C-alpha cells in the first residue's frame, strides 16, 4: 500500500476554481482489495473503490436508517451489540453512537485507508461519524467482513451491512459469497436468536430478497428516496427469525 498523506494531496487554489461538479482527488491508495480513493466534489467527499462509486457525504439518510430501523426492530434493544459492516463515510456509526440503546458497537472495515481517513492526519471523514470515534462503546476492526464472521466468538443482536452498492453490485467478486446461501448461513450463525439482519442496497435485489424470505420468519423492505437523477430508491432489508 502506498503511504500518501492527505495533507500532501490538497489541491492548489487554481485546482478549486472549477465548478462544484468537478471532483478533486485527495488521496488514492493501493490497498489489499485494489484501489481506493478519496475525492472532494464541492462541499462533499466521495469514496471510490476500484473505479466504482461507493458513497459520499451528501445524504446519509439511508445509512442512518440502516441502524435505527434495525434497533427499532429488536424486542429488547437496550444493551444490544451492533455490528456495522463497512465504516464508509461514517453515517451509520454516527447513528449508532447517538443512540443510547446499543451496549457495544463493532465496526468492521477492510480498507485501512478508509480507517485512516477517519482517524489520522486531517481525518477529513471523522466529522461525519459524529461522536462515534470517541464513544467508549465503539470498536473499529480492520478485517474483511467474511473473515470476521468466520472467526468471531460474538453473537450480534443487529448485523447492519453496507459494504457494497447492494447484493447485485458488489465492490469485489469475493463479496458475492456474502449474499449467497452460504453467506447467509454464516450471518445466521453470528446472529443472536432474536437478532435482526439489516442489509443496505442501492436498488432492489429480487434474488436476494427471495433468499431472505426462504429462511427468515419476518422480512421488511424499506425504500428511501434518493436525491439524484436516477430516481431509484435506496433499499434496506430487515430480516429476523421472530
Protein backbone atom coordinates (compact mmCIF):
# COMPACT_ATOMS: atom_id res chain seq x y z
CA UNK A 1 0.00 0.00 0.00
CA UNK A 2 1.20 3.47 -0.75
CA UNK A 3 1.71 5.93 2.06
CA UNK A 4 0.24 9.11 0.61
CA UNK A 5 -0.67 11.76 3.14
CA UNK A 6 -3.88 13.73 2.80
CA UNK A 7 -2.11 16.99 3.51
CA UNK A 8 0.26 16.44 0.60
CA UNK A 9 -2.65 15.85 -1.78
CA UNK A 10 -4.56 19.05 -1.08
CA UNK A 11 -5.39 20.95 -4.28
CA UNK A 12 -3.89 24.31 -5.09
CA UNK A 13 -6.18 27.38 -5.28
CA UNK A 14 -6.23 27.02 -9.05
CA UNK A 15 -7.45 23.43 -8.75
CA UNK A 16 -10.52 24.51 -6.76
CA UNK A 17 -11.56 27.17 -9.24
CA UNK A 18 -13.60 24.61 -11.20
CA UNK A 19 -17.32 24.08 -10.79
CA UNK A 20 -18.73 22.23 -7.80
CA UNK A 21 -19.29 19.19 -10.04
CA UNK A 22 -15.59 18.73 -10.72
CA UNK A 23 -14.08 16.09 -8.38
CA UNK A 24 -10.72 16.79 -6.74
CA UNK A 25 -8.60 13.77 -5.84
CA UNK A 26 -7.39 13.99 -2.23
CA UNK A 27 -5.83 10.57 -1.75
CA UNK A 28 -5.50 7.30 -3.63
CA UNK A 29 -4.13 4.03 -2.28
CA UNK A 30 -3.45 0.52 -3.47
CA UNK A 31 -4.99 -1.50 -0.68
CA UNK A 32 -5.42 -5.22 -0.04
CA UNK A 33 -8.52 -5.36 -2.26
CA UNK A 34 -7.47 -2.99 -5.02
CA UNK A 35 -7.52 0.76 -5.42
CA UNK A 36 -9.44 3.03 -3.06
CA UNK A 37 -9.65 6.80 -3.46
CA UNK A 38 -10.98 9.79 -1.56
CA UNK A 39 -12.28 12.73 -3.60
CA UNK A 40 -13.91 16.03 -2.84
CA UNK A 41 -16.73 17.33 -5.02
CA UNK A 42 -17.78 20.79 -3.93
CA UNK A 43 -18.54 20.60 -0.22
CA UNK A 44 -18.78 16.81 -0.16
CA UNK A 45 -16.40 13.86 -0.03
CA UNK A 46 -16.62 10.68 -2.10
CA UNK A 47 -15.14 7.21 -1.67
CA UNK A 48 -14.29 5.32 -4.87
CA UNK A 49 -13.20 1.65 -4.82
CA UNK A 50 -11.72 0.03 -7.93
CA UNK A 51 -13.31 2.75 -10.02
CA UNK A 52 -16.76 2.15 -8.50
CA UNK A 53 -18.53 4.93 -6.64
CA UNK A 54 -19.36 3.71 -3.14
CA UNK A 55 -20.80 6.64 -1.22
CA UNK A 56 -20.48 10.31 -0.49
CA UNK A 57 -21.31 12.72 2.31
CA UNK A 58 -24.21 14.46 0.56
CA UNK A 59 -27.10 12.45 2.04
CA UNK A 60 -26.77 9.89 4.83
CA UNK A 61 -30.45 9.18 5.48
CA UNK A 62 -30.47 5.59 4.27
CA UNK A 63 -27.21 4.72 6.03
CA UNK A 64 -28.61 6.12 9.27
CA UNK A 65 -31.90 4.32 8.78
CA UNK A 66 -30.00 1.05 8.40
CA UNK A 67 -29.09 1.39 12.09
CA UNK A 68 -32.21 2.99 13.54
CA UNK A 69 -34.57 0.56 11.80
CA UNK A 70 -32.55 -2.42 13.00
CA UNK A 71 -32.62 -1.20 16.60
CA UNK A 72 -36.33 -0.39 16.37
CA UNK A 73 -36.96 -3.97 15.19
CA UNK A 74 -35.42 -5.52 18.29
CA UNK A 75 -37.75 -6.51 21.11
CA UNK A 76 -35.05 -5.62 23.66
CA UNK A 77 -32.64 -3.12 22.07
CA UNK A 78 -31.21 -1.85 25.38
CA UNK A 79 -27.61 -3.05 25.64
CA UNK A 80 -27.63 -4.52 22.11
CA UNK A 81 -24.37 -5.45 20.43
CA UNK A 82 -24.44 -3.89 16.97
CA UNK A 83 -22.11 -4.85 14.15
CA UNK A 84 -21.70 -2.32 11.34
CA UNK A 85 -20.26 -3.88 8.21
CA UNK A 86 -18.42 -1.03 6.50
CA UNK A 87 -17.23 2.24 8.04
CA UNK A 88 -17.63 4.22 4.83
CA UNK A 89 -18.03 7.95 5.40
CA UNK A 90 -19.30 7.29 8.93
CA UNK A 91 -23.05 7.95 8.80
CA UNK A 92 -24.01 4.53 10.20
CA UNK A 93 -21.51 4.85 13.05
CA UNK A 94 -22.82 8.33 13.82
CA UNK A 95 -26.37 7.00 14.08
CA UNK A 96 -25.36 4.12 16.35
CA UNK A 97 -23.32 6.41 18.61
CA UNK A 98 -26.07 9.00 19.04
CA UNK A 99 -28.46 6.21 20.14
CA UNK A 100 -28.12 5.21 23.80
CA UNK A 101 -29.61 1.75 23.27
CA UNK A 102 -26.56 -0.12 21.93
CA UNK A 103 -24.24 -1.52 24.57
CA UNK A 104 -21.45 -2.25 22.09
CA UNK A 105 -20.75 -1.02 18.56
CA UNK A 106 -18.35 -3.04 16.43
CA UNK A 107 -17.41 -1.58 13.05
CA UNK A 108 -15.71 -3.94 10.59
CA UNK A 109 -13.86 -2.17 7.77
CA UNK A 110 -11.43 -3.98 5.49
CA UNK A 111 -9.75 -0.94 3.91
CA UNK A 112 -7.00 0.56 6.12
CA UNK A 113 -7.15 3.78 4.07
CA UNK A 114 -10.78 4.41 5.00
CA UNK A 115 -9.99 3.96 8.68
CA UNK A 116 -7.06 6.37 8.33
CA UNK A 117 -9.25 8.98 6.60
CA UNK A 118 -11.34 8.91 9.77
CA UNK A 119 -8.59 8.76 12.37
CA UNK A 120 -5.23 10.02 11.08
CA UNK A 121 -3.78 13.16 9.54
CA UNK A 122 -6.53 15.64 8.68
CA UNK A 123 -9.16 12.97 9.49
CA UNK A 124 -11.43 14.53 6.88
CA UNK A 125 -14.21 11.97 7.35
CA UNK A 126 -14.24 12.00 11.16
CA UNK A 127 -16.94 14.71 11.47
CA UNK A 128 -19.42 12.53 9.57
CA UNK A 129 -19.09 9.79 12.20
CA UNK A 130 -20.42 12.13 14.88
CA UNK A 131 -19.23 11.04 18.31
CA UNK A 132 -18.62 7.51 17.08
CA UNK A 133 -14.83 7.52 17.24
CA UNK A 134 -14.70 8.79 20.82
CA UNK A 135 -17.62 6.70 22.08
CA UNK A 136 -16.31 4.09 24.55
CA UNK A 137 -18.79 1.57 23.15
CA UNK A 138 -17.11 1.67 19.72
CA UNK A 139 -14.51 -0.76 18.42
CA UNK A 140 -13.09 -0.42 14.89
CA UNK A 141 -11.90 -3.74 13.47
CA UNK A 142 -9.71 -3.74 10.35
CA UNK A 143 -10.78 -7.00 8.72
CA UNK A 144 -12.70 -8.44 5.84
CA UNK A 145 -16.28 -8.97 6.99
CA UNK A 146 -16.42 -12.59 5.87
CA UNK A 147 -13.19 -13.37 7.74
CA UNK A 148 -14.54 -11.62 10.83
CA UNK A 149 -17.78 -13.58 10.73
CA UNK A 150 -15.88 -16.86 10.42
CA UNK A 151 -13.62 -16.16 13.40
CA UNK A 152 -15.62 -14.03 15.84
CA UNK A 153 -16.99 -15.53 19.03
CA UNK A 154 -19.62 -12.79 19.27
CA UNK A 155 -23.28 -13.20 18.51
CA UNK A 156 -24.69 -9.89 17.40
CA UNK A 157 -28.13 -8.51 18.16
CA UNK A 158 -28.02 -6.41 14.99
CA UNK A 159 -25.96 -7.13 11.89
CA UNK A 160 -26.04 -3.96 9.77
CA UNK A 161 -24.30 -4.40 6.44
CA UNK A 162 -23.33 -1.66 4.00
CA UNK A 163 -20.17 -2.88 2.30
CA UNK A 164 -21.30 -2.82 -1.34
CA UNK A 165 -23.77 -0.99 -3.54
CA UNK A 166 -26.02 -3.97 -2.92
CA UNK A 167 -26.17 -7.75 -3.37
CA UNK A 168 -26.21 -7.36 -7.16
CA UNK A 169 -23.46 -4.73 -7.35
CA UNK A 170 -20.51 -5.74 -5.23
CA UNK A 171 -17.21 -3.89 -4.99
CA UNK A 172 -15.15 -7.07 -5.46
CA UNK A 173 -16.16 -10.53 -6.69
CA UNK A 174 -15.20 -12.04 -3.34
CA UNK A 175 -18.10 -10.17 -1.75
CA UNK A 176 -20.62 -12.07 -3.88
CA UNK A 177 -20.49 -15.01 -1.49
CA UNK A 178 -21.75 -12.87 1.39
CA UNK A 179 -25.18 -12.69 -0.24
CA UNK A 180 -25.27 -16.36 -1.25
CA UNK A 181 -26.89 -19.16 0.71
CA UNK A 182 -23.51 -19.96 2.26
CA UNK A 183 -23.03 -16.33 3.24
CA UNK A 184 -26.47 -16.18 4.81
CA UNK A 185 -25.63 -19.35 6.74
CA UNK A 186 -22.59 -17.56 8.13
CA UNK A 187 -24.60 -14.45 9.01
CA UNK A 188 -27.21 -16.54 10.81
CA UNK A 189 -24.50 -18.29 12.82
CA UNK A 190 -23.34 -14.96 14.24
CA UNK A 191 -26.84 -13.51 14.75
CA UNK A 192 -28.43 -13.72 18.20
CA UNK A 193 -31.61 -15.80 18.39
CA UNK A 194 -33.84 -12.73 18.45
CA UNK A 195 -31.46 -10.58 16.43
CA UNK A 196 -32.05 -8.70 13.19
CA UNK A 197 -30.10 -8.67 9.92
CA UNK A 198 -30.20 -5.33 8.10
CA UNK A 199 -28.73 -5.03 4.60
CA UNK A 200 -28.39 -1.79 2.61
CA UNK A 201 -28.74 -1.79 -1.16
CA UNK A 202 -28.75 0.88 -3.86
CA UNK A 203 -31.61 -0.94 -5.59
CA UNK A 204 -34.00 -3.85 -5.13
CA UNK A 205 -32.47 -7.31 -5.45
CA UNK A 206 -35.24 -9.79 -6.13
CA UNK A 207 -32.94 -12.81 -5.91
CA UNK A 208 -31.50 -11.77 -2.56
CA UNK A 209 -34.95 -10.91 -1.20
CA UNK A 210 -36.19 -14.38 -2.19
CA UNK A 211 -33.29 -15.96 -0.29
CA UNK A 212 -34.17 -13.92 2.79
CA UNK A 213 -37.85 -14.87 2.61
CA UNK A 214 -36.97 -18.55 2.32
CA UNK A 215 -35.15 -18.61 5.67
CA UNK A 216 -36.39 -15.77 7.89
CA UNK A 217 -39.83 -15.58 9.51
CA UNK A 218 -40.09 -11.79 9.26
CA UNK A 219 -38.98 -9.61 6.35
CA UNK A 220 -39.42 -5.88 5.92
CA UNK A 221 -38.32 -3.96 2.82
CA UNK A 222 -37.87 -0.22 3.34
CA UNK A 223 -37.44 2.18 0.43
CA UNK A 224 -35.67 5.53 0.89
CA UNK A 225 -35.99 8.10 -1.94
CA UNK A 226 -32.67 9.47 -3.16
CA UNK A 227 -31.89 12.98 -4.32
CA UNK A 228 -30.24 12.11 -7.62
CA UNK A 229 -31.47 11.96 -11.18
CA UNK A 230 -31.51 8.16 -11.41
CA UNK A 231 -34.54 8.23 -9.11
CA UNK A 232 -34.14 4.63 -7.92
CA UNK A 233 -34.71 4.46 -4.14
CA UNK A 234 -32.19 3.00 -1.75
CA UNK A 235 -33.42 -0.14 -0.01
CA UNK A 236 -32.92 -1.58 3.46
CA UNK A 237 -33.81 -5.24 4.00
CA UNK A 238 -34.68 -6.16 7.59
CA UNK A 239 -34.83 -9.85 8.46
CA UNK A 240 -35.35 -11.76 11.70
CA UNK A 241 -36.30 -15.23 12.85
CA UNK A 242 -39.18 -14.00 15.02
